[in-house]
Amino acid sequence: MSRFFFNDRKQLVNDAIEGLVISAPHGNLVRLDIDPAIRIVARSDWDKGRVAVISGGGSGHEPAHAGFVGKGMLTAAVCGDVFASPSVDAVLNAIVAMTGDRGCLLIVKNYTGDRLNFGLAAEKAKRYGLKVEMVIVADDIALPDNKQPRGIAGTALVHKIAGHAAEQGKSLSEVRDIAQKACDNVYSLGLAMETCNLPGSEEEGRIQRGKVELGLGIHGEPGASIVETQNSKSLIDTLVKPLKAAVGDDRVAVLINNLGGVSALEMALLTKELAHSALKDQIAWLIGPAPLVSSLDMKGFSVSLLRLNETFEQALCANVQTVGWQKPVAFAPMKTQRHNTVYDGLEIEPSDNPQVKTLLGTAVQTLIGLENRLNALDAKVGDGDTGSTFAEGAREIARLLEQKALPLNNTAQLLQLIGERLATVMGGSSGVLMSIFFTAAGNALRRGTALPEALLIGLKQMKHYGGADLGDRTLIDALQPALEALRDNGLEAAVSAAKSGAASTATMQKAGAGRASYVNSENLDGVSDPGAVAIAEVFAAIAK
């Protein structure tokens, strides 16, 4: 079964509409009580004094379409089942219920089901003496030779522009012409690394790992082509090239749309890439990043460009009372403000020591090389970042080593400096713990303590502040026996003790500290702690 929260599959859309209406921040939405199979979300404050603007389509694209109902945007939305067009009767009821003497504009995405059902409903409504016009949004440029481009995220921009025109009191023909002009000047292109999962259906897994589909439809239809990368800059450039060709050098508004399954962190990154793309000098307004026309949980995004004029700009920036619209922001480079770094720096004198340089270089390169392996281990018991965290610290020390900026001939200063840099560049608790270890060991050395005993003092302080001890299934299970063996019997014994300690963590049924302490024992069985593995591998590497 797919991963999807729902109670009754048959009631999924009805239940979701109820949740939307009761949570609307302006309290201005109602569901028209006509028939359980007719799902119409409408403005509760509508008086038929203006042109009605109605849209809709299959559910699963939230906040489209019901999330755009409200003053300044849609008058009503007709909701079909998941990815299924609403019936002719549902659309007809919406038109009749919401349309007054000023008439009604239907905004329809260019899919056969939507065109037919909305079109027939419009013709039937005319028999009631109602004035009805329809525009079709066909903004997808994934298939340039397609005579019937699909309507995708650019539809939200048409909703906004038409809704503003209607709110201003313009006539039906004026609202229609403005909406049609918006349709003629909006272009969209999307991609995804995972398609969407339908509620109650098996996961598809069509797209291969490490690749993305360019131009797949918002119902999960296969894309126009496969792109052999998931690099954010390359993907934005891939989308921008044909989009820019469509709009030329004209000023544009850009909508960056989350198709449903992309994290906020990734969407922010993609927005940054867009801000540095070939479009950067012609973007006037940015809308998003946000889900506006989504595709359930699709791991993908789309970019829409609207060629601007004064009417469109005023419409986009006008206030609305809806659940889902995102107010545009004037596009500008990131603002920065200079500030002096608070830095408790050490006064060190770089020096050389070939033996220490070799040992340190071996250690950091080992950790860098272990990044993917440790991440994979950590993904089974934690949050999957141990390898990256240690590698980040190692890269910083490698950088200082290459720049000859380390006091290699002063071990106390070297350990203190390593501790200082790890606290800065390593994330999470690992960076602080390793910083405490090296800082305390360096302080002990400076007081005249021998190196093996100084390292154990560093360990003691790390245990004191971190709260972990032997048997808690952490790197301490490898580090403590290794350091004790180093003090008592030398490096070879330390290597053996570290390996044995790391191996023992795979049989520990419960973690006493760290992220793994929140994981069930079944998930821990047979999996070594990644931090302990890192310690064992470093000791083994420097002993060679």
Protein backbone atom coordinates (compact mmCIF):
# COMPACT_ATOMS: atom_id res chain seq x y z
CA MET A 1 0.00 0.00 0.00
CA SER A 2 1.10 3.56 -0.59
CA ARG A 3 2.02 5.79 2.31
CA PHE A 4 -1.03 8.00 2.67
CA PHE A 5 -3.14 9.18 5.62
CA PHE A 6 -6.85 8.60 5.14
CA ASN A 7 -9.80 7.00 6.85
CA ASP A 8 -12.25 5.98 4.13
CA ARG A 9 -10.94 6.17 0.56
CA LYS A 10 -14.44 6.93 -0.73
CA GLN A 11 -14.79 9.86 1.70
CA LEU A 12 -11.25 11.19 1.31
CA VAL A 13 -12.11 14.28 -0.74
CA ASN A 14 -15.23 15.10 1.30
CA ASP A 15 -13.25 14.84 4.53
CA ALA A 16 -10.46 17.01 3.14
CA ILE A 17 -12.92 19.69 2.03
CA GLU A 18 -14.40 19.78 5.52
CA GLY A 19 -10.91 20.25 6.97
CA LEU A 20 -10.16 23.05 4.51
CA VAL A 21 -13.38 24.94 5.17
CA ILE A 22 -13.19 24.81 8.96
CA SER A 23 -9.53 25.91 8.94
CA ALA A 24 -9.90 28.81 6.48
CA PRO A 25 -8.24 31.77 8.25
CA HIS A 26 -10.75 34.34 7.00
CA GLY A 27 -13.78 32.22 7.84
CA ASN A 28 -15.13 32.98 4.38
CA LEU A 29 -15.59 29.53 2.85
CA VAL A 30 -18.63 27.26 2.67
CA ARG A 31 -19.38 23.95 1.03
CA LEU A 32 -22.63 24.12 -0.90
CA ASP A 33 -25.03 21.51 0.51
CA ILE A 34 -26.48 20.06 -2.69
CA ASP A 35 -25.53 16.39 -2.95
CA PRO A 36 -22.69 14.36 -1.36
CA ALA A 37 -21.29 13.67 -4.84
CA ILE A 38 -21.27 17.38 -5.73
CA ARG A 39 -18.38 19.10 -4.04
CA ILE A 40 -18.41 22.87 -4.41
CA VAL A 41 -16.39 25.19 -2.16
CA ALA A 42 -17.61 28.77 -2.44
CA ARG A 43 -17.27 32.24 -0.97
CA SER A 44 -19.66 32.74 1.92
CA ASP A 45 -19.64 36.50 1.29
CA TRP A 46 -20.62 36.32 -2.39
CA ASP A 47 -23.54 38.54 -3.48
CA LYS A 48 -23.55 37.96 -7.26
CA GLY A 49 -22.83 41.65 -7.83
CA ARG A 50 -19.74 40.91 -9.91
CA VAL A 51 -18.62 38.41 -12.51
CA ALA A 52 -18.25 34.99 -10.92
CA VAL A 53 -14.91 33.25 -11.50
CA ILE A 54 -15.13 29.48 -11.15
CA SER A 55 -12.45 26.85 -11.59
CA GLY A 56 -11.87 23.31 -10.43
CA GLY A 57 -10.76 19.88 -11.49
CA GLY A 58 -9.50 16.75 -9.86
CA SER A 59 -8.49 16.80 -6.20
CA GLY A 60 -4.90 16.07 -5.20
CA HIS A 61 -3.54 19.40 -6.47
CA GLU A 62 -4.05 21.32 -3.23
CA PRO A 63 -4.27 24.17 -2.52
CA ALA A 64 -5.65 24.28 -6.06
CA HIS A 65 -8.46 24.76 -6.52
CA ALA A 66 -10.48 25.30 -3.35
CA GLY A 67 -7.53 26.98 -1.65
CA PHE A 68 -7.84 29.85 -4.13
CA VAL A 69 -11.49 30.60 -3.32
CA GLY A 70 -11.94 33.95 -1.63
CA LYS A 71 -12.26 37.66 -2.18
CA GLY A 72 -9.99 38.77 -5.02
CA MET A 73 -9.56 35.35 -6.55
CA LEU A 74 -12.03 32.50 -7.22
CA THR A 75 -15.72 32.69 -6.44
CA ALA A 76 -16.03 28.91 -6.24
CA ALA A 77 -14.14 25.70 -6.96
CA VAL A 78 -15.64 22.42 -8.12
CA CYS A 79 -13.73 19.47 -6.73
CA GLY A 80 -13.61 16.10 -8.45
CA ASP A 81 -12.25 12.89 -7.00
CA VAL A 82 -8.47 12.47 -6.85
CA PHE A 83 -7.12 13.32 -10.33
CA ALA A 84 -10.63 13.03 -11.81
CA SER A 85 -12.62 15.85 -13.37
CA PRO A 86 -15.82 16.87 -11.57
CA SER A 87 -19.05 15.86 -13.26
CA VAL A 88 -21.08 18.06 -15.59
CA ASP A 89 -23.81 18.26 -12.94
CA ALA A 90 -21.34 19.45 -10.31
CA VAL A 91 -20.00 22.20 -12.56
CA LEU A 92 -23.50 23.20 -13.66
CA ASN A 93 -24.65 23.50 -10.05
CA ALA A 94 -21.68 25.72 -9.26
CA ILE A 95 -22.43 27.99 -12.21
CA VAL A 96 -26.13 28.30 -11.36
CA ALA A 97 -25.49 28.85 -7.66
CA MET A 98 -22.85 31.56 -8.07
CA THR A 99 -23.76 33.42 -11.26
CA GLY A 100 -25.80 36.61 -11.37
CA ASP A 101 -26.59 39.09 -14.11
CA ARG A 102 -22.89 39.92 -14.63
CA GLY A 103 -22.11 36.38 -15.82
CA CYS A 104 -19.49 33.77 -15.06
CA LEU A 105 -15.98 32.92 -16.27
CA LEU A 106 -14.78 29.31 -16.11
CA ILE A 107 -11.02 28.73 -15.88
CA VAL A 108 -10.12 25.22 -17.00
CA LYS A 109 -6.83 23.36 -17.19
CA ASN A 110 -6.23 21.84 -20.60
CA TYR A 111 -7.16 18.22 -19.91
CA THR A 112 -9.82 16.45 -21.96
CA GLY A 113 -12.03 15.57 -18.99
CA ASP A 114 -12.02 19.12 -17.64
CA ARG A 115 -12.64 20.68 -21.04
CA LEU A 116 -15.59 18.39 -21.77
CA ASN A 117 -17.27 18.53 -18.37
CA PHE A 118 -16.85 22.27 -17.87
CA GLY A 119 -17.70 22.95 -21.52
CA LEU A 120 -20.93 20.98 -21.49
CA ALA A 121 -21.92 22.53 -18.16
CA ALA A 122 -21.35 25.99 -19.68
CA GLU A 123 -23.60 25.18 -22.61
CA LYS A 124 -26.32 23.86 -20.32
CA ALA A 125 -26.06 26.94 -18.12
CA LYS A 126 -26.71 29.14 -21.12
CA ARG A 127 -30.12 27.45 -21.41
CA TYR A 128 -30.92 29.02 -18.05
CA GLY A 129 -30.18 32.42 -19.56
CA LEU A 130 -26.82 32.73 -17.83
CA LYS A 131 -23.83 34.36 -19.47
CA VAL A 132 -20.87 31.97 -19.33
CA GLU A 133 -17.43 32.21 -20.88
CA MET A 134 -14.49 29.82 -20.58
CA VAL A 135 -10.70 30.12 -20.90
CA ILE A 136 -8.35 27.17 -21.09
CA VAL A 137 -4.91 27.26 -19.48
CA ALA A 138 -2.26 25.41 -21.49
CA ASP A 139 1.01 26.60 -19.96
CA ASP A 140 3.12 23.41 -20.03
CA ILE A 141 5.99 23.71 -22.54
CA ALA A 142 7.47 20.25 -21.92
CA LEU A 143 6.38 19.08 -25.39
CA PRO A 144 6.85 22.04 -27.77
CA ASP A 145 5.17 20.29 -30.69
CA ASN A 146 2.10 19.24 -28.72
CA LYS A 147 -1.03 20.93 -30.09
CA GLN A 148 -2.75 20.52 -26.70
CA PRO A 149 -0.29 21.57 -23.96
CA ARG A 150 -1.39 20.67 -20.46
CA GLY A 151 -2.50 23.18 -17.88
CA ILE A 152 -0.28 23.06 -14.80
CA ALA A 153 0.94 25.52 -12.15
CA GLY A 154 0.50 28.61 -14.31
CA THR A 155 -3.23 28.12 -13.76
CA ALA A 156 -2.88 29.73 -10.33
CA LEU A 157 -1.59 32.91 -11.97
CA VAL A 158 -4.60 33.02 -14.28
CA HIS A 159 -6.90 32.54 -11.26
CA LYS A 160 -5.28 35.51 -9.58
CA ILE A 161 -5.45 37.83 -12.58
CA ALA A 162 -9.02 36.94 -13.52
CA GLY A 163 -10.17 37.13 -9.90
CA HIS A 164 -8.71 40.61 -9.52
CA ALA A 165 -10.38 41.81 -12.71
CA ALA A 166 -13.73 40.49 -11.48
CA GLU A 167 -13.26 42.05 -8.04
CA GLN A 168 -12.72 45.42 -9.73
CA GLY A 169 -16.18 45.14 -11.28
CA LYS A 170 -15.10 44.59 -14.88
CA SER A 171 -17.55 43.11 -17.35
CA LEU A 172 -17.56 39.43 -18.32
CA SER A 173 -15.95 40.12 -21.68
CA GLU A 174 -13.25 42.22 -20.01
CA VAL A 175 -12.54 39.57 -17.39
CA ARG A 176 -12.43 36.90 -20.10
CA ASP A 177 -10.05 38.92 -22.29
CA ILE A 178 -7.69 39.66 -19.39
CA ALA A 179 -7.71 35.98 -18.36
CA GLN A 180 -7.09 34.89 -21.94
CA LYS A 181 -4.18 37.28 -22.25
CA ALA A 182 -2.74 35.78 -19.07
CA CYS A 183 -3.14 32.31 -20.56
CA ASP A 184 -1.29 33.47 -23.66
CA ASN A 185 1.66 34.80 -21.63
CA VAL A 186 2.30 32.11 -19.02
CA TYR A 187 4.77 29.26 -19.49
CA SER A 188 5.58 26.40 -17.13
CA LEU A 189 7.93 23.45 -16.93
CA GLY A 190 8.40 20.92 -14.15
CA LEU A 191 10.39 17.87 -13.17
CA ALA A 192 10.43 15.22 -10.47
CA MET A 193 12.70 12.55 -9.03
CA GLU A 194 9.75 10.53 -7.68
CA THR A 195 6.23 10.41 -9.06
CA CYS A 196 3.16 10.73 -6.85
CA ASN A 197 1.52 7.91 -4.90
CA LEU A 198 -2.23 7.54 -5.18
CA PRO A 199 -4.09 6.82 -1.94
CA GLY A 200 -4.77 3.11 -1.63
CA SER A 201 -2.49 2.16 -4.54
CA GLU A 202 0.88 0.51 -4.72
CA GLU A 203 3.98 2.72 -4.91
CA GLU A 204 5.17 2.96 -8.50
CA GLY A 205 8.90 3.66 -8.26
CA ARG A 206 9.14 4.39 -11.99
CA ILE A 207 11.96 6.92 -11.89
CA GLN A 208 15.40 5.44 -11.32
CA ARG A 209 17.53 6.60 -8.43
CA GLY A 210 19.83 9.49 -9.34
CA LYS A 211 17.67 10.63 -12.26
CA VAL A 212 14.70 12.95 -12.77
CA GLU A 213 11.89 13.08 -15.29
CA LEU A 214 11.49 16.37 -17.11
CA GLY A 215 7.99 17.47 -17.99
CA LEU A 216 5.96 14.76 -16.28
CA GLY A 217 2.30 15.60 -15.77
CA ILE A 218 0.62 16.64 -12.54
CA HIS A 219 -1.23 13.31 -12.51
CA GLY A 220 2.02 11.38 -12.68
CA GLU A 221 2.02 10.97 -16.46
CA PRO A 222 5.49 10.01 -17.78
CA GLY A 223 7.75 12.93 -18.59
CA ALA A 224 9.08 14.16 -21.88
CA SER A 225 12.66 13.07 -21.15
CA ILE A 226 15.04 11.73 -18.51
CA VAL A 227 17.72 13.98 -16.99
CA GLU A 228 20.78 12.16 -15.70
CA THR A 229 21.40 14.32 -12.64
CA GLN A 230 19.83 15.57 -9.44
CA ASN A 231 22.17 18.56 -9.13
CA SER A 232 20.07 21.58 -8.17
CA LYS A 233 21.92 24.12 -10.32
CA SER A 234 21.89 21.88 -13.39
CA LEU A 235 18.19 21.17 -13.01
CA ILE A 236 17.25 24.83 -12.66
CA ASP A 237 19.36 25.62 -15.72
CA THR A 238 17.57 22.80 -17.58
CA LEU A 239 14.19 24.38 -16.82
CA VAL A 240 15.29 27.97 -17.34
CA LYS A 241 16.68 27.53 -20.86
CA PRO A 242 13.37 26.72 -22.64
CA LEU A 243 11.40 29.03 -20.35
CA LYS A 244 13.65 31.96 -21.19
CA ALA A 245 13.41 31.12 -24.86
CA ALA A 246 9.63 31.42 -24.52
CA VAL A 247 9.61 34.85 -22.85
CA GLY A 248 12.76 36.36 -24.35
CA ASP A 249 14.18 39.22 -22.29
CA ASP A 250 10.84 40.54 -21.03
CA ARG A 251 10.18 41.29 -17.36
CA VAL A 252 8.51 38.33 -15.68
CA ALA A 253 6.91 37.11 -12.51
CA VAL A 254 8.22 33.70 -11.45
CA LEU A 255 6.20 31.10 -9.58
CA ILE A 256 8.28 28.30 -8.08
CA ASN A 257 5.85 25.53 -7.24
CA ASN A 258 6.37 22.57 -4.92
CA LEU A 259 4.63 19.55 -6.44
CA GLY A 260 4.01 18.25 -2.95
CA GLY A 261 6.91 16.16 -1.73
CA VAL A 262 9.92 18.48 -1.68
CA SER A 263 11.22 19.71 1.67
CA ALA A 264 11.22 23.41 2.52
CA LEU A 265 15.02 23.25 2.71
CA GLU A 266 15.29 21.99 -0.88
CA MET A 267 12.75 24.51 -2.15
CA ALA A 268 14.77 27.32 -0.61
CA LEU A 269 17.90 25.96 -2.30
CA LEU A 270 16.14 25.77 -5.66
CA THR A 271 14.94 29.35 -5.22
CA LYS A 272 18.53 30.43 -4.64
CA GLU A 273 19.59 28.67 -7.83
CA LEU A 274 16.78 30.41 -9.72
CA ALA A 275 17.94 33.76 -8.33
CA HIS A 276 21.37 33.15 -9.88
CA SER A 277 20.11 31.70 -13.15
CA ALA A 278 19.96 33.27 -16.61
CA LEU A 279 16.61 34.80 -15.60
CA LYS A 280 18.01 36.86 -12.73
CA ASP A 281 18.02 40.19 -14.57
CA GLN A 282 14.41 40.00 -15.73
CA ILE A 283 12.59 38.66 -12.66
CA ALA A 284 10.41 41.40 -11.17
CA TRP A 285 8.27 39.35 -8.77
CA LEU A 286 8.76 36.01 -7.05
CA ILE A 287 5.82 33.86 -5.95
CA GLY A 288 6.71 30.99 -3.65
CA PRO A 289 8.46 28.70 -3.15
CA ALA A 290 5.24 27.01 -2.11
CA PRO A 291 2.82 24.28 -3.13
CA LEU A 292 0.24 26.03 -5.32
CA VAL A 293 -0.71 23.37 -7.86
CA SER A 294 0.65 20.18 -6.34
CA SER A 295 0.49 16.53 -7.28
CA LEU A 296 -0.17 14.75 -3.99
CA ASP A 297 3.29 13.79 -2.68
CA MET A 298 5.28 14.08 -5.91
CA LYS A 299 8.97 14.73 -5.22
CA GLY A 300 9.33 17.48 -7.76
CA PHE A 301 8.80 21.13 -8.57
CA SER A 302 7.87 23.39 -11.44
CA VAL A 303 8.73 26.91 -12.53
CA SER A 304 6.19 29.19 -14.20
CA LEU A 305 6.95 32.49 -15.92
CA LEU A 306 4.37 35.19 -16.60
CA ARG A 307 5.30 37.91 -19.06
CA LEU A 308 4.32 41.09 -17.25
CA ASN A 309 2.33 44.20 -18.05
CA GLU A 310 0.92 46.82 -15.71
CA THR A 311 -2.45 45.08 -15.41
CA PHE A 312 -0.88 41.76 -14.49
CA GLU A 313 1.43 43.32 -11.90
CA GLN A 314 -1.41 45.11 -10.16
CA ALA A 315 -3.46 41.93 -10.17
CA LEU A 316 -0.70 39.72 -8.78
CA CYS A 317 0.11 42.09 -5.94
CA ALA A 318 -3.47 42.82 -4.87
CA ASN A 319 -4.56 41.41 -1.52
CA VAL A 320 -6.82 38.38 -1.40
CA GLN A 321 -8.63 36.37 1.27
CA THR A 322 -7.73 32.79 0.41
CA VAL A 323 -6.10 29.79 2.04
CA GLY A 324 -3.49 29.00 -0.57
CA TRP A 325 -2.29 32.07 -2.49
CA GLN A 326 1.26 33.30 -1.82
CA LYS A 327 1.76 37.06 -1.95
CA PRO A 328 4.51 37.97 -4.44
CA VAL A 329 7.72 39.55 -3.22
CA ALA A 330 9.76 42.04 -5.20
CA PHE A 331 12.76 40.14 -6.47
CA ALA A 332 16.14 41.35 -5.24
CA PRO A 333 19.50 39.79 -4.34
CA MET A 334 19.96 38.52 -0.81
CA LYS A 335 20.55 41.28 1.71
CA THR A 336 23.58 40.96 3.95
CA GLN A 337 24.84 42.96 6.88
CA ARG A 338 28.44 42.96 8.01
CA HIS A 339 29.11 41.92 11.56
CA ASN A 340 32.33 41.23 13.40
CA THR A 341 32.85 37.58 14.20
CA VAL A 342 32.82 36.66 17.85
CA TYR A 343 35.92 34.51 17.85
CA ASP A 344 37.79 33.27 20.88
CA GLY A 345 40.88 32.61 18.84
CA LEU A 346 44.09 30.93 19.83
CA GLU A 347 47.42 32.58 19.27
CA ILE A 348 49.29 29.89 17.43
CA GLU A 349 52.51 29.73 15.47
CA PRO A 350 52.35 27.39 12.45
CA SER A 351 55.16 24.84 12.46
CA ASP A 352 56.15 21.67 10.65
CA ASN A 353 56.59 18.10 11.81
CA PRO A 354 56.64 15.53 8.99
CA GLN A 355 55.60 12.62 11.20
CA VAL A 356 52.62 14.46 12.71
CA LYS A 357 51.69 15.77 9.28
CA THR A 358 51.55 12.23 7.90
CA LEU A 359 49.50 10.89 10.81
CA LEU A 360 47.05 13.79 10.71
CA GLY A 361 46.73 13.64 6.93
CA THR A 362 45.99 9.92 7.09
CA ALA A 363 43.33 10.46 9.76
CA VAL A 364 41.45 13.18 7.92
CA GLN A 365 41.56 11.43 4.55
CA THR A 366 40.23 8.28 6.18
CA LEU A 367 37.25 10.15 7.60
CA ILE A 368 36.57 11.87 4.28
CA GLY A 369 36.64 8.52 2.53
CA LEU A 370 34.23 7.02 5.04
CA GLU A 371 31.53 9.65 4.49
CA ASN A 372 29.04 7.59 2.48
CA ARG A 373 29.61 4.40 4.45
CA LEU A 374 29.05 6.11 7.80
CA ASN A 375 25.98 7.95 6.49
CA ALA A 376 24.50 4.64 5.37
CA LEU A 377 25.14 3.12 8.79
CA ASP A 378 23.69 6.12 10.56
CA ALA A 379 20.58 6.08 8.38
CA LYS A 380 19.71 2.73 9.95
CA VAL A 381 19.97 3.97 13.54
CA GLY A 382 19.92 7.78 13.41
CA ASP A 383 19.44 10.67 11.04
CA GLY A 384 21.95 9.61 8.39
CA ASP A 385 24.50 12.39 8.74
CA THR A 386 27.36 11.02 10.84
CA GLY A 387 29.60 10.51 7.83
CA SER A 388 28.97 14.00 6.49
CA THR A 389 29.51 15.55 9.91
CA PHE A 390 32.88 13.87 10.48
CA ALA A 391 33.92 14.47 6.88
CA GLU A 392 33.14 18.18 7.20
CA GLY A 393 35.43 18.45 10.21
CA ALA A 394 38.11 16.42 8.45
CA ARG A 395 37.96 18.65 5.35
CA GLU A 396 38.54 21.71 7.50
CA ILE A 397 41.63 20.19 9.11
CA ALA A 398 42.84 19.00 5.69
CA ARG A 399 42.45 22.56 4.40
CA LEU A 400 44.53 23.97 7.26
CA LEU A 401 47.09 21.23 6.72
CA GLU A 402 47.40 22.11 3.04
CA GLN A 403 47.75 25.80 3.89
CA LYS A 404 50.49 24.98 6.40
CA ALA A 405 48.49 26.80 9.05
CA LEU A 406 48.79 24.19 11.82
CA PRO A 407 51.25 24.11 14.75
CA LEU A 408 52.37 20.57 13.91
CA ASN A 409 55.39 20.77 16.21
CA ASN A 410 53.35 21.87 19.22
CA THR A 411 50.92 19.06 20.05
CA ALA A 412 49.09 20.97 22.79
CA GLN A 413 48.36 23.90 20.49
CA LEU A 414 47.50 21.52 17.64
CA LEU A 415 44.85 19.71 19.69
CA GLN A 416 43.42 23.00 20.96
CA LEU A 417 43.23 24.42 17.45
CA ILE A 418 41.57 21.26 16.13
CA GLY A 419 39.04 21.50 18.95
CA GLU A 420 38.33 25.12 18.10
CA ARG A 421 37.81 24.49 14.38
CA LEU A 422 35.62 21.41 14.90
CA ALA A 423 33.27 23.41 17.13
CA THR A 424 32.84 25.85 14.24
CA VAL A 425 32.53 23.59 11.21
CA MET A 426 30.99 20.36 12.50
CA GLY A 427 27.24 20.39 13.01
CA GLY A 428 25.12 19.03 15.81
CA SER A 429 26.34 17.48 19.01
CA SER A 430 29.21 15.62 17.34
CA GLY A 431 31.14 18.80 16.65
CA VAL A 432 30.81 20.03 20.22
CA LEU A 433 31.73 16.66 21.71
CA MET A 434 34.83 16.27 19.55
CA SER A 435 35.77 19.87 20.29
CA ILE A 436 35.53 19.19 24.02
CA PHE A 437 37.67 16.07 23.59
CA PHE A 438 40.48 17.81 21.70
CA THR A 439 40.32 21.04 23.72
CA ALA A 440 40.50 19.26 27.08
CA ALA A 441 43.29 16.99 25.83
CA GLY A 442 45.23 20.02 24.56
CA ASN A 443 44.80 21.78 27.90
CA ALA A 444 46.12 18.71 29.71
CA LEU A 445 49.14 18.52 27.39
CA ARG A 446 49.86 22.18 27.98
CA ARG A 447 50.00 21.43 31.71
CA GLY A 448 52.65 18.77 31.07
CA THR A 449 50.53 15.60 30.96
CA ALA A 450 51.77 12.84 28.66
CA LEU A 451 49.83 12.46 25.40
CA PRO A 452 48.06 9.13 26.09
CA GLU A 453 46.90 10.33 29.50
CA ALA A 454 45.92 13.73 28.07
CA LEU A 455 43.71 12.03 25.49
CA LEU A 456 42.00 10.09 28.27
CA ILE A 457 41.41 13.36 30.12
CA GLY A 458 39.79 14.70 26.96
CA LEU A 459 37.62 11.58 26.85
CA LYS A 460 36.65 12.03 30.49
CA GLN A 461 35.45 15.58 29.84
CA MET A 462 33.58 14.51 26.73
CA LYS A 463 31.77 11.84 28.76
CA HIS A 464 31.06 14.34 31.53
CA TYR A 465 29.41 16.91 29.28
CA GLY A 466 27.90 14.51 26.76
CA GLY A 467 26.38 12.07 29.25
CA ALA A 468 27.41 8.88 27.43
CA ASP A 469 29.60 6.09 28.77
CA LEU A 470 30.84 2.63 27.87
CA GLY A 471 28.00 0.39 26.82
CA ASP A 472 25.77 3.21 25.60
CA ARG A 473 26.40 2.29 21.97
CA THR A 474 28.35 5.38 20.94
CA LEU A 475 31.85 6.11 19.65
CA ILE A 476 33.02 5.88 23.28
CA ASP A 477 32.71 2.10 23.02
CA ALA A 478 35.60 2.18 20.54
CA LEU A 479 37.45 5.28 21.73
CA GLN A 480 37.84 4.46 25.42
CA PRO A 481 39.29 0.94 25.03
CA ALA A 482 41.53 2.22 22.24
CA LEU A 483 42.94 5.08 24.35
CA GLU A 484 43.42 2.83 27.38
CA ALA A 485 45.23 0.28 25.22
CA LEU A 486 47.34 3.06 23.68
CA ARG A 487 48.42 4.20 27.13
CA ASP A 488 49.17 0.70 28.41
CA ASN A 489 50.35 -1.30 25.39
CA GLY A 490 50.89 0.97 22.37
CA LEU A 491 49.30 1.65 18.99
CA GLU A 492 48.83 -1.93 17.75
CA ALA A 493 46.89 -2.80 20.88
CA ALA A 494 44.83 0.36 20.44
CA VAL A 495 43.85 -0.69 16.91
CA SER A 496 42.68 -4.07 18.12
CA ALA A 497 40.75 -2.57 21.03
CA ALA A 498 39.04 -0.01 18.79
CA LYS A 499 37.93 -2.69 16.31
CA SER A 500 36.62 -4.90 19.08
CA GLY A 501 34.78 -1.98 20.68
CA ALA A 502 33.18 -0.93 17.41
CA ALA A 503 32.09 -4.50 16.68
CA SER A 504 30.52 -4.81 20.13
CA THR A 505 28.08 -2.01 19.38
CA ALA A 506 26.36 -4.18 16.75
CA THR A 507 25.20 -6.58 19.47
CA MET A 508 24.04 -3.96 21.98
CA GLN A 509 20.26 -4.15 22.21
CA LYS A 510 19.73 -0.62 23.46
CA ALA A 511 21.55 2.68 22.97
CA GLY A 512 21.98 4.79 26.06
CA ALA A 513 22.73 8.06 24.33
CA GLY A 514 22.52 9.82 20.97
CA ARG A 515 19.88 9.55 18.26
CA ALA A 516 20.02 5.76 18.35
CA SER A 517 18.58 5.82 21.88
CA TYR A 518 15.21 6.67 20.30
CA VAL A 519 15.31 3.67 17.95
CA ASN A 520 13.72 0.28 18.61
CA SER A 521 16.15 -2.51 19.48
CA GLU A 522 15.07 -4.47 16.38
CA ASN A 523 16.44 -1.66 14.20
CA LEU A 524 19.77 -1.68 16.05
CA ASP A 525 20.42 -5.41 15.84
CA GLY A 526 23.55 -6.16 13.81
CA VAL A 527 24.28 -2.50 13.00
CA SER A 528 27.52 -1.01 14.35
CA ASP A 529 27.52 2.52 15.68
CA PRO A 530 28.89 4.76 12.89
CA GLY A 531 30.94 6.91 15.29
CA ALA A 532 32.59 3.83 16.77
CA VAL A 533 33.34 2.53 13.26
CA ALA A 534 34.95 5.88 12.41
CA ILE A 535 37.24 5.65 15.48
CA ALA A 536 38.27 2.09 14.64
CA GLU A 537 39.02 2.93 11.01
CA VAL A 538 41.11 5.98 11.93
CA PHE A 539 43.22 4.00 14.40
CA ALA A 540 43.70 1.25 11.80
CA ALA A 541 44.73 3.75 9.12
CA ILE A 542 47.34 5.59 11.18
CA ALA A 543 48.86 2.29 12.35
CA LYS A 544 49.69 1.21 8.81
